[in-house]
Amino acid sequence: MKVFNNETYIATWEQSKWLVLSSFLFMIPSIYAYLHNLYFYSVLLSTTSIVSANYWRKALANSWRRNMDLALAKVSFIIFLSNGIIYVKKIEYIITGYSGLVILVYCYLLAGNLWKAKQSSWYFYHALFHFIIMYEQLIILDSMIHRIE
């Protein structure tokens, strides 16, 4: 942690700028959802993206932006996980989706452990986590759009 102007940051701008950028990856599935009239998911994803980027632009250890990011990320994750369990039926999505779920959990935990160990590479794994989440969101949305009725 870095202290600057009596504020405690969990990341430097050199690290967090990549997390701001990777947070905007969630706009890709947001646009996809919007184009397919899944407006709730589009709003959820764009809000999650903006809230996440807003947190990482000034990554304070204790802030309302961090609390909002953590809460919304959990809600979004639960909504997409439950929809993934319900709608993902294509074998290629099952294989890549569930493998991706394991890898994204690993990346998330690894980033946290590397951060605690003060390893500067932690943010790479958190950005990779964002990328895998984006892929997972896309296959879940695609499965919802093309669900077998």
N, C-alpha and C. Protein backbone atom coordinates (compact mmCIF):
# COMPACT_ATOMS: atom_id res chain seq x y z
N MET A 1 0.84 -1.18 0.00
CA MET A 1 0.00 0.00 0.00
C MET A 1 0.88 1.24 0.00
N LYS A 2 0.40 2.23 -0.70
CA LYS A 2 1.12 3.49 -0.80
C LYS A 2 0.29 4.58 -0.12
N VAL A 3 0.95 5.44 0.63
CA VAL A 3 0.26 6.56 1.26
C VAL A 3 0.69 7.83 0.54
N PHE A 4 -0.31 8.59 0.10
CA PHE A 4 -0.07 9.83 -0.61
C PHE A 4 -1.13 10.83 -0.17
N ASN A 5 -0.71 11.99 0.31
CA ASN A 5 -1.64 13.01 0.82
C ASN A 5 -2.59 12.43 1.88
N ASN A 6 -2.05 11.65 2.79
CA ASN A 6 -2.80 11.02 3.88
C ASN A 6 -3.88 10.07 3.40
N GLU A 7 -3.78 9.58 2.17
CA GLU A 7 -4.71 8.59 1.64
C GLU A 7 -3.94 7.32 1.32
N THR A 8 -4.51 6.17 1.66
CA THR A 8 -3.86 4.90 1.43
C THR A 8 -4.38 4.27 0.14
N TYR A 9 -3.47 4.06 -0.81
CA TYR A 9 -3.81 3.47 -2.11
C TYR A 9 -3.37 2.01 -2.11
N ILE A 10 -4.18 1.17 -2.75
CA ILE A 10 -3.76 -0.23 -2.86
C ILE A 10 -2.95 -0.48 -4.12
N ALA A 11 -2.93 0.51 -5.02
CA ALA A 11 -2.17 0.37 -6.26
C ALA A 11 -1.69 1.74 -6.72
N THR A 12 -0.57 1.73 -7.40
CA THR A 12 -0.07 2.95 -8.02
C THR A 12 -0.83 3.16 -9.33
N TRP A 13 -0.76 4.36 -9.87
CA TRP A 13 -1.41 4.62 -11.15
C TRP A 13 -0.80 3.76 -12.26
N GLU A 14 0.50 3.50 -12.17
CA GLU A 14 1.15 2.64 -13.17
C GLU A 14 0.52 1.25 -13.20
N GLN A 15 0.02 0.78 -12.08
CA GLN A 15 -0.66 -0.51 -12.02
C GLN A 15 -2.14 -0.36 -12.33
N SER A 16 -2.78 0.58 -11.69
CA SER A 16 -4.24 0.66 -11.78
C SER A 16 -4.74 1.16 -13.13
N LYS A 17 -3.90 1.84 -13.90
CA LYS A 17 -4.36 2.30 -15.22
C LYS A 17 -4.74 1.11 -16.10
N TRP A 18 -4.05 -0.02 -15.92
CA TRP A 18 -4.38 -1.22 -16.69
C TRP A 18 -5.69 -1.84 -16.22
N LEU A 19 -5.99 -1.66 -14.96
CA LEU A 19 -7.25 -2.18 -14.42
C LEU A 19 -8.42 -1.28 -14.81
N VAL A 20 -8.16 0.01 -14.94
CA VAL A 20 -9.19 0.91 -15.48
C VAL A 20 -9.52 0.46 -16.90
N LEU A 21 -8.48 0.27 -17.69
CA LEU A 21 -8.66 -0.16 -19.08
C LEU A 21 -9.39 -1.51 -19.16
N SER A 22 -8.94 -2.48 -18.39
CA SER A 22 -9.57 -3.82 -18.46
C SER A 22 -10.99 -3.81 -17.91
N SER A 23 -11.32 -2.86 -17.04
CA SER A 23 -12.69 -2.73 -16.55
C SER A 23 -13.65 -2.38 -17.69
N PHE A 24 -13.15 -1.64 -18.67
CA PHE A 24 -13.99 -1.27 -19.80
C PHE A 24 -14.24 -2.43 -20.76
N LEU A 25 -13.56 -3.56 -20.56
CA LEU A 25 -13.87 -4.75 -21.36
C LEU A 25 -15.32 -5.19 -21.17
N PHE A 26 -15.91 -4.89 -20.01
CA PHE A 26 -17.29 -5.30 -19.75
C PHE A 26 -18.28 -4.55 -20.64
N MET A 27 -17.82 -3.49 -21.29
CA MET A 27 -18.69 -2.77 -22.22
C MET A 27 -18.95 -3.59 -23.49
N ILE A 28 -18.05 -4.48 -23.82
CA ILE A 28 -18.24 -5.32 -25.02
C ILE A 28 -19.48 -6.21 -24.85
N PRO A 29 -19.58 -7.00 -23.78
CA PRO A 29 -20.82 -7.77 -23.62
C PRO A 29 -22.04 -6.88 -23.35
N SER A 30 -21.82 -5.71 -22.77
CA SER A 30 -22.93 -4.78 -22.57
C SER A 30 -23.55 -4.36 -23.90
N ILE A 31 -22.70 -4.03 -24.84
CA ILE A 31 -23.18 -3.65 -26.18
C ILE A 31 -23.86 -4.84 -26.85
N TYR A 32 -23.26 -6.02 -26.72
CA TYR A 32 -23.85 -7.24 -27.30
C TYR A 32 -25.24 -7.49 -26.71
N ALA A 33 -25.37 -7.34 -25.42
CA ALA A 33 -26.68 -7.51 -24.77
C ALA A 33 -27.67 -6.48 -25.29
N TYR A 34 -27.23 -5.25 -25.39
CA TYR A 34 -28.12 -4.18 -25.87
C TYR A 34 -28.61 -4.47 -27.28
N LEU A 35 -27.71 -4.90 -28.15
CA LEU A 35 -28.06 -5.18 -29.54
C LEU A 35 -29.06 -6.33 -29.67
N HIS A 36 -29.14 -7.15 -28.62
CA HIS A 36 -30.06 -8.29 -28.63
C HIS A 36 -31.23 -8.09 -27.65
N ASN A 37 -31.48 -6.83 -27.32
CA ASN A 37 -32.64 -6.44 -26.50
C ASN A 37 -32.61 -7.01 -25.07
N LEU A 38 -31.45 -7.33 -24.58
CA LEU A 38 -31.30 -7.77 -23.19
C LEU A 38 -30.88 -6.54 -22.38
N TYR A 39 -31.81 -5.64 -22.21
CA TYR A 39 -31.50 -4.32 -21.65
C TYR A 39 -31.07 -4.38 -20.19
N PHE A 40 -31.67 -5.25 -19.40
CA PHE A 40 -31.27 -5.37 -17.99
C PHE A 40 -29.78 -5.73 -17.90
N TYR A 41 -29.36 -6.71 -18.71
CA TYR A 41 -27.97 -7.16 -18.67
C TYR A 41 -27.03 -6.09 -19.24
N SER A 42 -27.49 -5.37 -20.23
CA SER A 42 -26.70 -4.28 -20.78
C SER A 42 -26.45 -3.20 -19.72
N VAL A 43 -27.50 -2.82 -19.01
CA VAL A 43 -27.35 -1.81 -17.96
C VAL A 43 -26.49 -2.35 -16.82
N LEU A 44 -26.71 -3.59 -16.43
CA LEU A 44 -25.90 -4.20 -15.36
C LEU A 44 -24.42 -4.19 -15.73
N LEU A 45 -24.10 -4.60 -16.95
CA LEU A 45 -22.71 -4.67 -17.38
C LEU A 45 -22.07 -3.30 -17.55
N SER A 46 -22.79 -2.37 -18.13
CA SER A 46 -22.21 -1.03 -18.30
C SER A 46 -22.01 -0.36 -16.94
N THR A 47 -22.95 -0.56 -16.04
CA THR A 47 -22.80 0.00 -14.69
C THR A 47 -21.62 -0.65 -13.97
N THR A 48 -21.51 -1.96 -14.08
CA THR A 48 -20.38 -2.67 -13.46
C THR A 48 -19.06 -2.17 -14.03
N SER A 49 -19.01 -1.97 -15.32
CA SER A 49 -17.80 -1.49 -15.98
C SER A 49 -17.41 -0.10 -15.49
N ILE A 50 -18.37 0.80 -15.46
CA ILE A 50 -18.10 2.17 -15.04
C ILE A 50 -17.71 2.24 -13.57
N VAL A 51 -18.42 1.51 -12.73
CA VAL A 51 -18.11 1.51 -11.29
C VAL A 51 -16.71 0.93 -11.05
N SER A 52 -16.37 -0.14 -11.76
CA SER A 52 -15.05 -0.75 -11.61
C SER A 52 -13.95 0.22 -12.07
N ALA A 53 -14.13 0.80 -13.25
CA ALA A 53 -13.13 1.75 -13.75
C ALA A 53 -13.00 2.95 -12.82
N ASN A 54 -14.13 3.41 -12.30
CA ASN A 54 -14.11 4.54 -11.38
C ASN A 54 -13.33 4.21 -10.11
N TYR A 55 -13.47 2.99 -9.62
CA TYR A 55 -12.69 2.60 -8.44
C TYR A 55 -11.19 2.56 -8.78
N TRP A 56 -10.84 1.89 -9.87
CA TRP A 56 -9.42 1.70 -10.17
C TRP A 56 -8.71 2.97 -10.58
N ARG A 57 -9.45 4.01 -10.99
CA ARG A 57 -8.78 5.26 -11.35
C ARG A 57 -8.17 5.93 -10.12
N LYS A 58 -8.69 5.63 -8.95
CA LYS A 58 -8.15 6.14 -7.69
C LYS A 58 -8.39 5.05 -6.65
N ALA A 59 -7.52 4.06 -6.65
CA ALA A 59 -7.71 2.83 -5.88
C ALA A 59 -7.36 3.00 -4.41
N LEU A 60 -8.24 3.67 -3.69
CA LEU A 60 -8.05 3.87 -2.25
C LEU A 60 -8.44 2.61 -1.50
N ALA A 61 -7.71 2.33 -0.43
CA ALA A 61 -7.97 1.13 0.37
C ALA A 61 -9.35 1.18 1.02
N ASN A 62 -9.75 2.35 1.48
CA ASN A 62 -11.06 2.50 2.12
C ASN A 62 -11.80 3.65 1.45
N SER A 63 -12.81 3.30 0.67
CA SER A 63 -13.58 4.34 -0.01
C SER A 63 -14.94 3.80 -0.41
N TRP A 64 -15.87 4.71 -0.62
CA TRP A 64 -17.20 4.31 -1.07
C TRP A 64 -17.12 3.71 -2.46
N ARG A 65 -16.16 4.17 -3.30
CA ARG A 65 -16.02 3.61 -4.65
C ARG A 65 -15.60 2.15 -4.59
N ARG A 66 -14.71 1.81 -3.67
CA ARG A 66 -14.28 0.42 -3.51
C ARG A 66 -15.44 -0.44 -3.03
N ASN A 67 -16.18 0.05 -2.03
CA ASN A 67 -17.32 -0.70 -1.51
C ASN A 67 -18.37 -0.94 -2.60
N MET A 68 -18.61 0.10 -3.42
CA MET A 68 -19.58 -0.03 -4.50
C MET A 68 -19.10 -1.03 -5.54
N ASP A 69 -17.83 -0.97 -5.89
CA ASP A 69 -17.26 -1.91 -6.86
C ASP A 69 -17.38 -3.34 -6.36
N LEU A 70 -16.99 -3.58 -5.12
CA LEU A 70 -17.05 -4.93 -4.57
C LEU A 70 -18.49 -5.46 -4.53
N ALA A 71 -19.43 -4.62 -4.11
CA ALA A 71 -20.83 -5.05 -4.01
C ALA A 71 -21.42 -5.34 -5.39
N LEU A 72 -21.24 -4.42 -6.33
CA LEU A 72 -21.81 -4.60 -7.65
C LEU A 72 -21.15 -5.76 -8.40
N ALA A 73 -19.86 -5.93 -8.23
CA ALA A 73 -19.17 -7.06 -8.87
C ALA A 73 -19.72 -8.39 -8.37
N LYS A 74 -20.01 -8.48 -7.08
CA LYS A 74 -20.58 -9.71 -6.53
C LYS A 74 -21.98 -9.97 -7.06
N VAL A 75 -22.80 -8.93 -7.10
CA VAL A 75 -24.16 -9.08 -7.63
C VAL A 75 -24.11 -9.52 -9.09
N SER A 76 -23.29 -8.84 -9.89
CA SER A 76 -23.15 -9.17 -11.30
C SER A 76 -22.65 -10.60 -11.48
N PHE A 77 -21.67 -11.01 -10.68
CA PHE A 77 -21.13 -12.36 -10.76
C PHE A 77 -22.21 -13.40 -10.47
N ILE A 78 -22.99 -13.19 -9.43
CA ILE A 78 -24.04 -14.14 -9.06
C ILE A 78 -25.10 -14.22 -10.15
N ILE A 79 -25.50 -13.08 -10.69
CA ILE A 79 -26.50 -13.08 -11.76
C ILE A 79 -25.99 -13.84 -12.98
N PHE A 80 -24.76 -13.58 -13.39
CA PHE A 80 -24.22 -14.26 -14.57
C PHE A 80 -23.92 -15.73 -14.29
N LEU A 81 -23.44 -16.05 -13.12
CA LEU A 81 -23.18 -17.46 -12.79
C LEU A 81 -24.48 -18.26 -12.84
N SER A 82 -25.53 -17.74 -12.23
CA SER A 82 -26.81 -18.47 -12.22
C SER A 82 -27.38 -18.59 -13.64
N ASN A 83 -27.27 -17.55 -14.45
CA ASN A 83 -27.72 -17.64 -15.84
C ASN A 83 -26.85 -18.59 -16.64
N GLY A 84 -25.57 -18.64 -16.34
CA GLY A 84 -24.69 -19.59 -17.02
C GLY A 84 -25.07 -21.03 -16.72
N ILE A 85 -25.38 -21.30 -15.48
CA ILE A 85 -25.80 -22.65 -15.09
C ILE A 85 -27.10 -23.03 -15.81
N ILE A 86 -28.00 -22.09 -15.94
CA ILE A 86 -29.30 -22.35 -16.56
C ILE A 86 -29.21 -22.46 -18.08
N TYR A 87 -28.50 -21.54 -18.73
CA TYR A 87 -28.60 -21.41 -20.18
C TYR A 87 -27.45 -22.02 -20.99
N VAL A 88 -26.29 -22.17 -20.41
CA VAL A 88 -25.16 -22.67 -21.21
C VAL A 88 -25.32 -24.18 -21.42
N LYS A 89 -25.57 -24.55 -22.68
CA LYS A 89 -25.82 -25.95 -23.03
C LYS A 89 -24.92 -26.47 -24.15
N LYS A 90 -24.37 -25.57 -24.97
CA LYS A 90 -23.48 -25.99 -26.06
C LYS A 90 -22.21 -26.56 -25.46
N ILE A 91 -21.78 -27.70 -25.96
CA ILE A 91 -20.62 -28.40 -25.38
C ILE A 91 -19.36 -27.52 -25.40
N GLU A 92 -19.16 -26.75 -26.49
CA GLU A 92 -17.96 -25.91 -26.54
C GLU A 92 -18.02 -24.79 -25.51
N TYR A 93 -19.22 -24.31 -25.21
CA TYR A 93 -19.37 -23.29 -24.16
C TYR A 93 -19.24 -23.91 -22.78
N ILE A 94 -19.72 -25.12 -22.62
CA ILE A 94 -19.58 -25.80 -21.33
C ILE A 94 -18.10 -26.01 -21.02
N ILE A 95 -17.36 -26.50 -22.00
CA ILE A 95 -15.92 -26.78 -21.79
C ILE A 95 -15.15 -25.49 -21.51
N THR A 96 -15.32 -24.50 -22.37
CA THR A 96 -14.56 -23.27 -22.18
C THR A 96 -15.09 -22.44 -21.01
N GLY A 97 -16.40 -22.49 -20.80
CA GLY A 97 -17.00 -21.70 -19.73
C GLY A 97 -16.60 -22.18 -18.34
N TYR A 98 -16.72 -23.49 -18.12
CA TYR A 98 -16.37 -24.00 -16.79
C TYR A 98 -14.86 -24.01 -16.56
N SER A 99 -14.09 -24.26 -17.64
CA SER A 99 -12.63 -24.13 -17.51
C SER A 99 -12.26 -22.68 -17.20
N GLY A 100 -12.91 -21.75 -17.90
CA GLY A 100 -12.67 -20.33 -17.67
C GLY A 100 -13.04 -19.92 -16.26
N LEU A 101 -14.11 -20.51 -15.73
CA LEU A 101 -14.51 -20.21 -14.35
C LEU A 101 -13.41 -20.60 -13.36
N VAL A 102 -12.83 -21.76 -13.56
CA VAL A 102 -11.73 -22.20 -12.69
C VAL A 102 -10.53 -21.26 -12.83
N ILE A 103 -10.19 -20.91 -14.06
CA ILE A 103 -9.04 -20.04 -14.31
C ILE A 103 -9.27 -18.64 -13.75
N LEU A 104 -10.50 -18.12 -13.90
CA LEU A 104 -10.74 -16.77 -13.39
C LEU A 104 -10.70 -16.73 -11.86
N VAL A 105 -11.18 -17.78 -11.21
CA VAL A 105 -11.07 -17.83 -9.75
C VAL A 105 -9.60 -17.90 -9.35
N TYR A 106 -8.82 -18.70 -10.08
CA TYR A 106 -7.39 -18.80 -9.82
C TYR A 106 -6.70 -17.44 -9.99
N CYS A 107 -7.01 -16.74 -11.09
CA CYS A 107 -6.40 -15.43 -11.34
C CYS A 107 -6.77 -14.42 -10.26
N TYR A 108 -8.02 -14.44 -9.84
CA TYR A 108 -8.47 -13.53 -8.79
C TYR A 108 -7.72 -13.79 -7.48
N LEU A 109 -7.65 -15.05 -7.09
CA LEU A 109 -6.95 -15.41 -5.84
C LEU A 109 -5.45 -15.15 -5.95
N LEU A 110 -4.87 -15.48 -7.11
CA LEU A 110 -3.44 -15.25 -7.30
C LEU A 110 -3.12 -13.76 -7.24
N ALA A 111 -3.95 -12.93 -7.87
CA ALA A 111 -3.72 -11.48 -7.82
C ALA A 111 -3.74 -10.99 -6.38
N GLY A 112 -4.70 -11.46 -5.60
CA GLY A 112 -4.77 -11.06 -4.19
C GLY A 112 -3.56 -11.52 -3.40
N ASN A 113 -3.13 -12.75 -3.63
CA ASN A 113 -1.95 -13.26 -2.91
C ASN A 113 -0.68 -12.53 -3.32
N LEU A 114 -0.54 -12.24 -4.61
CA LEU A 114 0.64 -11.50 -5.08
C LEU A 114 0.63 -10.08 -4.54
N TRP A 115 -0.55 -9.48 -4.46
CA TRP A 115 -0.65 -8.12 -3.90
C TRP A 115 -0.22 -8.13 -2.43
N LYS A 116 -0.72 -9.11 -1.68
CA LYS A 116 -0.35 -9.21 -0.26
C LYS A 116 1.16 -9.43 -0.10
N ALA A 117 1.75 -10.16 -1.03
CA ALA A 117 3.20 -10.44 -0.99
C ALA A 117 4.01 -9.29 -1.59
N LYS A 118 3.31 -8.19 -1.97
CA LYS A 118 3.95 -7.01 -2.55
C LYS A 118 4.69 -7.31 -3.86
N GLN A 119 4.15 -8.24 -4.63
CA GLN A 119 4.70 -8.56 -5.94
C GLN A 119 4.04 -7.65 -6.98
N SER A 120 4.85 -6.97 -7.76
CA SER A 120 4.31 -5.97 -8.67
C SER A 120 3.50 -6.55 -9.83
N SER A 121 3.58 -7.84 -10.05
CA SER A 121 2.84 -8.46 -11.16
C SER A 121 1.37 -8.76 -10.83
N TRP A 122 0.92 -8.45 -9.63
CA TRP A 122 -0.44 -8.82 -9.21
C TRP A 122 -1.50 -8.25 -10.15
N TYR A 123 -1.30 -7.02 -10.62
CA TYR A 123 -2.34 -6.37 -11.42
C TYR A 123 -2.53 -7.05 -12.77
N PHE A 124 -1.48 -7.70 -13.31
CA PHE A 124 -1.61 -8.45 -14.56
C PHE A 124 -2.66 -9.54 -14.40
N TYR A 125 -2.63 -10.25 -13.29
CA TYR A 125 -3.58 -11.34 -13.07
C TYR A 125 -4.98 -10.82 -12.80
N HIS A 126 -5.10 -9.64 -12.22
CA HIS A 126 -6.42 -9.07 -12.03
C HIS A 126 -6.98 -8.60 -13.38
N ALA A 127 -6.15 -8.04 -14.24
CA ALA A 127 -6.59 -7.65 -15.58
C ALA A 127 -6.98 -8.89 -16.39
N LEU A 128 -6.22 -9.96 -16.25
CA LEU A 128 -6.55 -11.22 -16.91
C LEU A 128 -7.89 -11.75 -16.40
N PHE A 129 -8.13 -11.62 -15.12
CA PHE A 129 -9.42 -11.97 -14.51
C PHE A 129 -10.54 -11.19 -15.20
N HIS A 130 -10.35 -9.88 -15.41
CA HIS A 130 -11.35 -9.06 -16.10
C HIS A 130 -11.60 -9.60 -17.52
N PHE A 131 -10.53 -9.96 -18.22
CA PHE A 131 -10.66 -10.45 -19.59
C PHE A 131 -11.46 -11.76 -19.62
N ILE A 132 -11.16 -12.67 -18.72
CA ILE A 132 -11.87 -13.96 -18.70
C ILE A 132 -13.32 -13.76 -18.32
N ILE A 133 -13.58 -12.86 -17.38
CA ILE A 133 -14.97 -12.54 -17.01
C ILE A 133 -15.73 -12.04 -18.24
N MET A 134 -15.09 -11.18 -19.04
CA MET A 134 -15.74 -10.67 -20.25
C MET A 134 -16.12 -11.81 -21.18
N TYR A 135 -15.22 -12.75 -21.39
CA TYR A 135 -15.51 -13.90 -22.24
C TYR A 135 -16.68 -14.70 -21.68
N GLU A 136 -16.66 -14.95 -20.39
CA GLU A 136 -17.73 -15.70 -19.74
C GLU A 136 -19.07 -14.99 -19.93
N GLN A 137 -19.08 -13.67 -19.77
CA GLN A 137 -20.31 -12.91 -19.96
C GLN A 137 -20.82 -13.06 -21.38
N LEU A 138 -19.92 -13.03 -22.34
CA LEU A 138 -20.33 -13.15 -23.74
C LEU A 138 -20.94 -14.52 -24.03
N ILE A 139 -20.34 -15.59 -23.53
CA ILE A 139 -20.92 -16.91 -23.84
C ILE A 139 -22.24 -17.12 -23.10
N ILE A 140 -22.38 -16.54 -21.94
CA ILE A 140 -23.65 -16.64 -21.22
C ILE A 140 -24.73 -15.86 -21.96
N LEU A 141 -24.42 -14.65 -22.38
CA LEU A 141 -25.40 -13.85 -23.14
C LEU A 141 -25.76 -14.55 -24.45
N ASP A 142 -24.76 -15.08 -25.14
CA ASP A 142 -25.03 -15.78 -26.39
C ASP A 142 -25.92 -17.00 -26.15
N SER A 143 -25.68 -17.71 -25.07
CA SER A 143 -26.52 -18.85 -24.72
C SER A 143 -27.94 -18.43 -24.39
N MET A 144 -28.09 -17.29 -23.73
CA MET A 144 -29.43 -16.78 -23.43
C MET A 144 -30.16 -16.40 -24.71
N ILE A 145 -29.44 -15.78 -25.62
CA ILE A 145 -30.04 -15.33 -26.89
C ILE A 145 -30.46 -16.52 -27.74
N HIS A 146 -29.64 -17.55 -27.77
CA HIS A 146 -29.89 -18.72 -28.63
C HIS A 146 -30.41 -19.92 -27.84
N ARG A 147 -31.07 -19.68 -26.74
CA ARG A 147 -31.55 -20.78 -25.91
C ARG A 147 -32.53 -21.65 -26.69
N ILE A 148 -32.50 -22.90 -26.34
CA ILE A 148 -33.40 -23.87 -26.98
C ILE A 148 -34.75 -23.75 -26.28
N GLU A 149 -35.79 -23.50 -27.07
CA GLU A 149 -37.12 -23.31 -26.48
C GLU A 149 -38.01 -24.50 -26.76
